[in-house]
Amino acid sequence: MSRQRYLITYDIADPKRLGRVAKYMGQHACRVQRSVFVVAMGRPCLHHVLVDLETMIDPKQDDVRAYPVSPTGNVTLLGRQLLAVNTLLGENGQSRLVLIQDPTDREYLSDEADE
């Protein structure tokens, strides 16, 4: 089964639901911001995660989104980051998402393949 990287974000109106969603996401993905997680999984696993989340939210008040992340995309980071420089997100020779420091002291989220 091939894995795809996804960015899963949420905006939850009720503090109790927010806590349940945050705890669940912390068990299944890597937090990159307070309500933003990155995960690498196949579509069946993503579907399972989204079905579980659907049971935790109020669809009239809450918003959950899953965005596929391009394996060749880069993201510019500005300001305070939750992840330390050189944090590796990935495993076992798969493509990885790693924070690197560039010569101008700006941090970038870089997508690189293991060699």
N, C-alpha and C. Protein backbone atom coordinates (compact mmCIF):
# COMPACT_ATOMS: atom_id res chain seq x y z
N MET A 1 0.84 -1.18 0.00
CA MET A 1 0.00 0.00 0.00
C MET A 1 0.89 1.25 0.00
N SER A 2 0.64 2.18 -0.87
CA SER A 2 1.45 3.39 -0.91
C SER A 2 0.93 4.41 0.10
N ARG A 3 1.87 5.13 0.65
CA ARG A 3 1.53 6.16 1.62
C ARG A 3 1.56 7.52 0.96
N GLN A 4 0.68 8.37 1.41
CA GLN A 4 0.61 9.76 0.98
C GLN A 4 0.74 10.61 2.24
N ARG A 5 1.39 11.71 2.14
CA ARG A 5 1.47 12.63 3.27
C ARG A 5 0.27 13.56 3.24
N TYR A 6 -0.36 13.78 4.41
CA TYR A 6 -1.51 14.66 4.53
C TYR A 6 -1.29 15.66 5.65
N LEU A 7 -1.81 16.85 5.44
CA LEU A 7 -1.87 17.87 6.47
C LEU A 7 -3.31 17.85 6.96
N ILE A 8 -3.53 17.58 8.24
CA ILE A 8 -4.87 17.54 8.81
C ILE A 8 -4.99 18.71 9.77
N THR A 9 -6.00 19.54 9.53
CA THR A 9 -6.22 20.73 10.34
C THR A 9 -7.63 20.69 10.92
N TYR A 10 -7.82 21.42 12.01
CA TYR A 10 -9.16 21.48 12.59
C TYR A 10 -9.38 22.79 13.31
N ASP A 11 -10.65 23.16 13.41
CA ASP A 11 -11.13 24.30 14.19
C ASP A 11 -12.35 23.78 14.94
N ILE A 12 -12.22 23.57 16.24
CA ILE A 12 -13.25 22.95 17.05
C ILE A 12 -13.78 23.98 18.05
N ALA A 13 -15.10 24.19 18.05
CA ALA A 13 -15.72 25.25 18.85
C ALA A 13 -15.78 24.94 20.35
N ASP A 14 -16.01 23.71 20.73
CA ASP A 14 -16.21 23.34 22.13
C ASP A 14 -14.92 22.82 22.74
N PRO A 15 -14.51 23.32 23.92
CA PRO A 15 -13.25 22.88 24.53
C PRO A 15 -13.18 21.37 24.81
N LYS A 16 -14.29 20.73 25.20
CA LYS A 16 -14.26 19.28 25.44
C LYS A 16 -14.02 18.52 24.15
N ARG A 17 -14.72 18.91 23.08
CA ARG A 17 -14.49 18.24 21.78
C ARG A 17 -13.08 18.52 21.30
N LEU A 18 -12.62 19.73 21.49
CA LEU A 18 -11.26 20.11 21.09
C LEU A 18 -10.24 19.21 21.78
N GLY A 19 -10.40 18.98 23.05
CA GLY A 19 -9.48 18.12 23.79
C GLY A 19 -9.47 16.70 23.27
N ARG A 20 -10.67 16.16 22.98
CA ARG A 20 -10.75 14.79 22.45
C ARG A 20 -10.09 14.69 21.07
N VAL A 21 -10.37 15.68 20.21
CA VAL A 21 -9.79 15.68 18.86
C VAL A 21 -8.26 15.82 18.94
N ALA A 22 -7.79 16.74 19.78
CA ALA A 22 -6.33 16.95 19.91
C ALA A 22 -5.65 15.69 20.42
N LYS A 23 -6.23 15.03 21.41
CA LYS A 23 -5.65 13.81 21.95
C LYS A 23 -5.62 12.70 20.89
N TYR A 24 -6.72 12.54 20.18
CA TYR A 24 -6.79 11.54 19.12
C TYR A 24 -5.75 11.80 18.04
N MET A 25 -5.67 13.06 17.59
CA MET A 25 -4.71 13.39 16.54
C MET A 25 -3.27 13.18 17.02
N GLY A 26 -3.00 13.49 18.28
CA GLY A 26 -1.66 13.28 18.83
C GLY A 26 -1.24 11.82 18.83
N GLN A 27 -2.22 10.91 18.82
CA GLN A 27 -1.92 9.48 18.78
C GLN A 27 -1.73 8.96 17.35
N HIS A 28 -2.15 9.74 16.35
CA HIS A 28 -2.13 9.25 14.98
C HIS A 28 -1.28 10.08 14.02
N ALA A 29 -0.81 11.24 14.46
CA ALA A 29 -0.09 12.13 13.55
C ALA A 29 0.91 12.96 14.35
N CYS A 30 1.73 13.70 13.64
CA CYS A 30 2.74 14.56 14.25
C CYS A 30 2.25 16.01 14.21
N ARG A 31 2.18 16.64 15.38
CA ARG A 31 1.72 18.03 15.46
C ARG A 31 2.78 18.96 14.88
N VAL A 32 2.36 19.86 13.99
CA VAL A 32 3.27 20.88 13.47
C VAL A 32 2.84 22.29 13.89
N GLN A 33 1.59 22.45 14.28
CA GLN A 33 1.07 23.66 14.92
C GLN A 33 -0.04 23.21 15.85
N ARG A 34 -0.61 24.14 16.61
CA ARG A 34 -1.61 23.74 17.61
C ARG A 34 -2.74 22.90 17.03
N SER A 35 -3.28 23.27 15.91
CA SER A 35 -4.40 22.53 15.31
C SER A 35 -4.06 22.00 13.93
N VAL A 36 -2.77 21.74 13.71
CA VAL A 36 -2.30 21.25 12.41
C VAL A 36 -1.37 20.06 12.64
N PHE A 37 -1.65 18.97 11.94
CA PHE A 37 -0.87 17.74 12.06
C PHE A 37 -0.47 17.27 10.68
N VAL A 38 0.67 16.57 10.60
CA VAL A 38 1.10 15.94 9.37
C VAL A 38 1.17 14.44 9.63
N VAL A 39 0.76 13.67 8.62
CA VAL A 39 0.74 12.23 8.75
C VAL A 39 1.02 11.61 7.38
N ALA A 40 1.67 10.45 7.38
CA ALA A 40 1.88 9.69 6.15
C ALA A 40 1.13 8.38 6.30
N MET A 41 0.15 8.16 5.43
CA MET A 41 -0.65 6.94 5.50
C MET A 41 -1.34 6.70 4.18
N GLY A 42 -1.82 5.48 4.00
CA GLY A 42 -2.61 5.15 2.82
C GLY A 42 -4.02 5.70 2.94
N ARG A 43 -4.73 5.76 1.82
CA ARG A 43 -6.10 6.30 1.83
C ARG A 43 -7.04 5.54 2.76
N PRO A 44 -6.95 4.21 2.87
CA PRO A 44 -7.85 3.51 3.81
C PRO A 44 -7.63 3.96 5.26
N CYS A 45 -6.37 4.15 5.64
CA CYS A 45 -6.08 4.63 7.00
C CYS A 45 -6.59 6.05 7.21
N LEU A 46 -6.38 6.91 6.21
CA LEU A 46 -6.89 8.27 6.31
C LEU A 46 -8.40 8.25 6.46
N HIS A 47 -9.07 7.42 5.68
CA HIS A 47 -10.52 7.30 5.77
C HIS A 47 -10.93 6.90 7.20
N HIS A 48 -10.22 5.95 7.78
CA HIS A 48 -10.52 5.51 9.14
C HIS A 48 -10.36 6.66 10.14
N VAL A 49 -9.28 7.42 10.02
CA VAL A 49 -9.05 8.57 10.90
C VAL A 49 -10.17 9.59 10.75
N LEU A 50 -10.56 9.89 9.52
CA LEU A 50 -11.61 10.88 9.30
C LEU A 50 -12.97 10.40 9.81
N VAL A 51 -13.25 9.11 9.66
CA VAL A 51 -14.51 8.56 10.20
C VAL A 51 -14.51 8.68 11.73
N ASP A 52 -13.38 8.37 12.36
CA ASP A 52 -13.28 8.53 13.82
C ASP A 52 -13.48 9.99 14.22
N LEU A 53 -12.84 10.90 13.51
CA LEU A 53 -12.98 12.32 13.83
C LEU A 53 -14.43 12.78 13.65
N GLU A 54 -15.09 12.26 12.64
CA GLU A 54 -16.47 12.63 12.38
C GLU A 54 -17.38 12.32 13.58
N THR A 55 -17.05 11.26 14.31
CA THR A 55 -17.86 10.91 15.49
C THR A 55 -17.57 11.83 16.68
N MET A 56 -16.48 12.58 16.63
CA MET A 56 -16.08 13.44 17.75
C MET A 56 -16.51 14.88 17.60
N ILE A 57 -16.83 15.30 16.38
CA ILE A 57 -17.09 16.71 16.13
C ILE A 57 -18.59 16.98 15.99
N ASP A 58 -18.92 18.27 16.04
CA ASP A 58 -20.26 18.73 15.71
C ASP A 58 -20.15 19.38 14.33
N PRO A 59 -20.70 18.75 13.29
CA PRO A 59 -20.52 19.26 11.93
C PRO A 59 -21.12 20.65 11.70
N LYS A 60 -21.97 21.10 12.59
CA LYS A 60 -22.56 22.44 12.45
C LYS A 60 -21.66 23.52 13.04
N GLN A 61 -20.72 23.12 13.90
CA GLN A 61 -19.86 24.10 14.58
C GLN A 61 -18.37 23.92 14.29
N ASP A 62 -17.96 22.72 13.94
CA ASP A 62 -16.54 22.40 13.82
C ASP A 62 -16.12 22.20 12.37
N ASP A 63 -14.82 22.28 12.14
CA ASP A 63 -14.26 22.15 10.79
C ASP A 63 -13.00 21.29 10.86
N VAL A 64 -12.97 20.19 10.11
CA VAL A 64 -11.79 19.34 9.99
C VAL A 64 -11.47 19.21 8.51
N ARG A 65 -10.20 19.35 8.17
CA ARG A 65 -9.78 19.26 6.76
C ARG A 65 -8.52 18.42 6.64
N ALA A 66 -8.43 17.65 5.57
CA ALA A 66 -7.24 16.86 5.26
C ALA A 66 -6.77 17.24 3.86
N TYR A 67 -5.57 17.77 3.78
CA TYR A 67 -4.99 18.21 2.51
C TYR A 67 -3.85 17.28 2.13
N PRO A 68 -3.83 16.74 0.91
CA PRO A 68 -2.65 15.99 0.49
C PRO A 68 -1.47 16.94 0.32
N VAL A 69 -0.29 16.49 0.71
CA VAL A 69 0.92 17.29 0.59
C VAL A 69 1.76 16.71 -0.54
N SER A 70 2.14 17.55 -1.47
CA SER A 70 2.96 17.12 -2.59
C SER A 70 4.29 16.58 -2.10
N PRO A 71 4.73 15.44 -2.63
CA PRO A 71 6.03 14.90 -2.20
C PRO A 71 7.21 15.75 -2.63
N THR A 72 7.01 16.70 -3.51
CA THR A 72 8.11 17.56 -3.95
C THR A 72 7.96 18.99 -3.47
N GLY A 73 6.95 19.28 -2.67
CA GLY A 73 6.69 20.65 -2.24
C GLY A 73 7.56 21.10 -1.08
N ASN A 74 7.81 22.38 -1.00
CA ASN A 74 8.51 23.01 0.12
C ASN A 74 7.57 24.03 0.74
N VAL A 75 7.71 24.23 2.04
CA VAL A 75 6.91 25.21 2.76
C VAL A 75 7.86 26.15 3.47
N THR A 76 7.64 27.46 3.33
CA THR A 76 8.45 28.44 4.04
C THR A 76 7.88 28.63 5.43
N LEU A 77 8.73 28.62 6.43
CA LEU A 77 8.32 28.80 7.82
C LEU A 77 8.78 30.16 8.30
N LEU A 78 7.89 30.90 8.92
CA LEU A 78 8.21 32.20 9.50
C LEU A 78 7.77 32.21 10.96
N GLY A 79 8.52 32.86 11.83
CA GLY A 79 8.12 32.96 13.23
C GLY A 79 8.47 31.72 14.04
N ARG A 80 7.92 31.66 15.24
CA ARG A 80 8.19 30.58 16.19
C ARG A 80 7.65 29.25 15.66
N GLN A 81 8.48 28.22 15.70
CA GLN A 81 8.10 26.89 15.23
C GLN A 81 7.99 25.93 16.39
N LEU A 82 7.04 25.01 16.34
CA LEU A 82 6.89 24.00 17.38
C LEU A 82 7.91 22.88 17.24
N LEU A 83 8.39 22.63 16.02
CA LEU A 83 9.36 21.58 15.79
C LEU A 83 10.77 22.17 15.73
N ALA A 84 11.72 21.46 16.29
CA ALA A 84 13.10 21.92 16.27
C ALA A 84 13.71 21.73 14.89
N VAL A 85 14.71 22.52 14.58
CA VAL A 85 15.46 22.35 13.34
C VAL A 85 16.02 20.93 13.32
N ASN A 86 16.07 20.34 12.14
CA ASN A 86 16.55 18.97 11.91
C ASN A 86 15.60 17.90 12.44
N THR A 87 14.33 18.24 12.66
CA THR A 87 13.34 17.25 13.04
C THR A 87 12.96 16.45 11.81
N LEU A 88 13.00 15.14 11.93
CA LEU A 88 12.69 14.24 10.82
C LEU A 88 11.28 13.70 10.97
N LEU A 89 10.47 13.82 9.93
CA LEU A 89 9.13 13.25 9.89
C LEU A 89 9.11 12.23 8.78
N GLY A 90 9.22 10.98 9.10
CA GLY A 90 9.24 9.91 8.11
C GLY A 90 9.99 8.72 8.67
N GLU A 91 10.03 7.64 7.92
CA GLU A 91 10.71 6.45 8.42
C GLU A 91 11.12 5.52 7.30
N ASN A 92 12.03 4.62 7.63
CA ASN A 92 12.41 3.47 6.80
C ASN A 92 12.70 3.78 5.34
N GLY A 93 13.47 4.82 5.08
CA GLY A 93 13.87 5.10 3.71
C GLY A 93 12.77 5.71 2.86
N GLN A 94 11.63 6.00 3.44
CA GLN A 94 10.57 6.68 2.69
C GLN A 94 10.98 8.13 2.50
N SER A 95 10.27 8.83 1.62
CA SER A 95 10.57 10.26 1.53
C SER A 95 10.29 10.87 2.89
N ARG A 96 10.94 11.95 3.20
CA ARG A 96 10.83 12.50 4.54
C ARG A 96 10.60 14.00 4.49
N LEU A 97 10.08 14.52 5.55
CA LEU A 97 9.88 15.95 5.74
C LEU A 97 10.79 16.33 6.89
N VAL A 98 11.76 17.21 6.65
CA VAL A 98 12.72 17.55 7.69
C VAL A 98 12.93 19.06 7.72
N LEU A 99 13.02 19.62 8.92
CA LEU A 99 13.33 21.04 9.06
C LEU A 99 14.84 21.21 8.91
N ILE A 100 15.25 22.13 8.06
CA ILE A 100 16.67 22.37 7.87
C ILE A 100 16.96 23.86 8.03
N GLN A 101 18.17 24.18 8.38
CA GLN A 101 18.58 25.58 8.54
C GLN A 101 19.32 26.02 7.28
N ASP A 102 18.88 27.12 6.68
CA ASP A 102 19.59 27.59 5.49
C ASP A 102 20.60 28.68 5.88
N PRO A 103 21.49 29.07 4.99
CA PRO A 103 22.55 30.00 5.34
C PRO A 103 22.06 31.38 5.76
N THR A 104 20.84 31.76 5.43
CA THR A 104 20.35 33.10 5.80
C THR A 104 19.56 33.07 7.10
N ASP A 105 19.68 31.97 7.87
CA ASP A 105 19.00 31.83 9.16
C ASP A 105 17.49 31.79 9.07
N ARG A 106 16.95 31.46 7.92
CA ARG A 106 15.51 31.24 7.78
C ARG A 106 15.29 29.74 7.74
N GLU A 107 14.21 29.27 8.38
CA GLU A 107 13.94 27.83 8.42
C GLU A 107 12.98 27.46 7.29
N TYR A 108 13.22 26.32 6.71
CA TYR A 108 12.36 25.79 5.65
C TYR A 108 11.95 24.39 5.99
N LEU A 109 10.75 24.04 5.62
CA LEU A 109 10.32 22.66 5.72
C LEU A 109 10.63 22.06 4.37
N SER A 110 11.52 21.11 4.34
CA SER A 110 12.05 20.58 3.09
C SER A 110 11.64 19.14 2.94
N ASP A 111 11.31 18.74 1.75
CA ASP A 111 10.94 17.37 1.46
C ASP A 111 12.08 16.74 0.68
N GLU A 112 12.70 15.72 1.25
CA GLU A 112 13.85 15.10 0.60
C GLU A 112 13.68 13.60 0.59
N ALA A 113 14.22 12.94 -0.40
CA ALA A 113 14.24 11.47 -0.43
C ALA A 113 15.53 11.00 0.20
N ASP A 114 15.43 9.93 0.99
CA ASP A 114 16.64 9.33 1.56
C ASP A 114 17.49 8.74 0.44
N GLU A 115 18.77 8.90 0.57
CA GLU A 115 19.67 8.36 -0.44
C GLU A 115 20.44 7.20 0.12
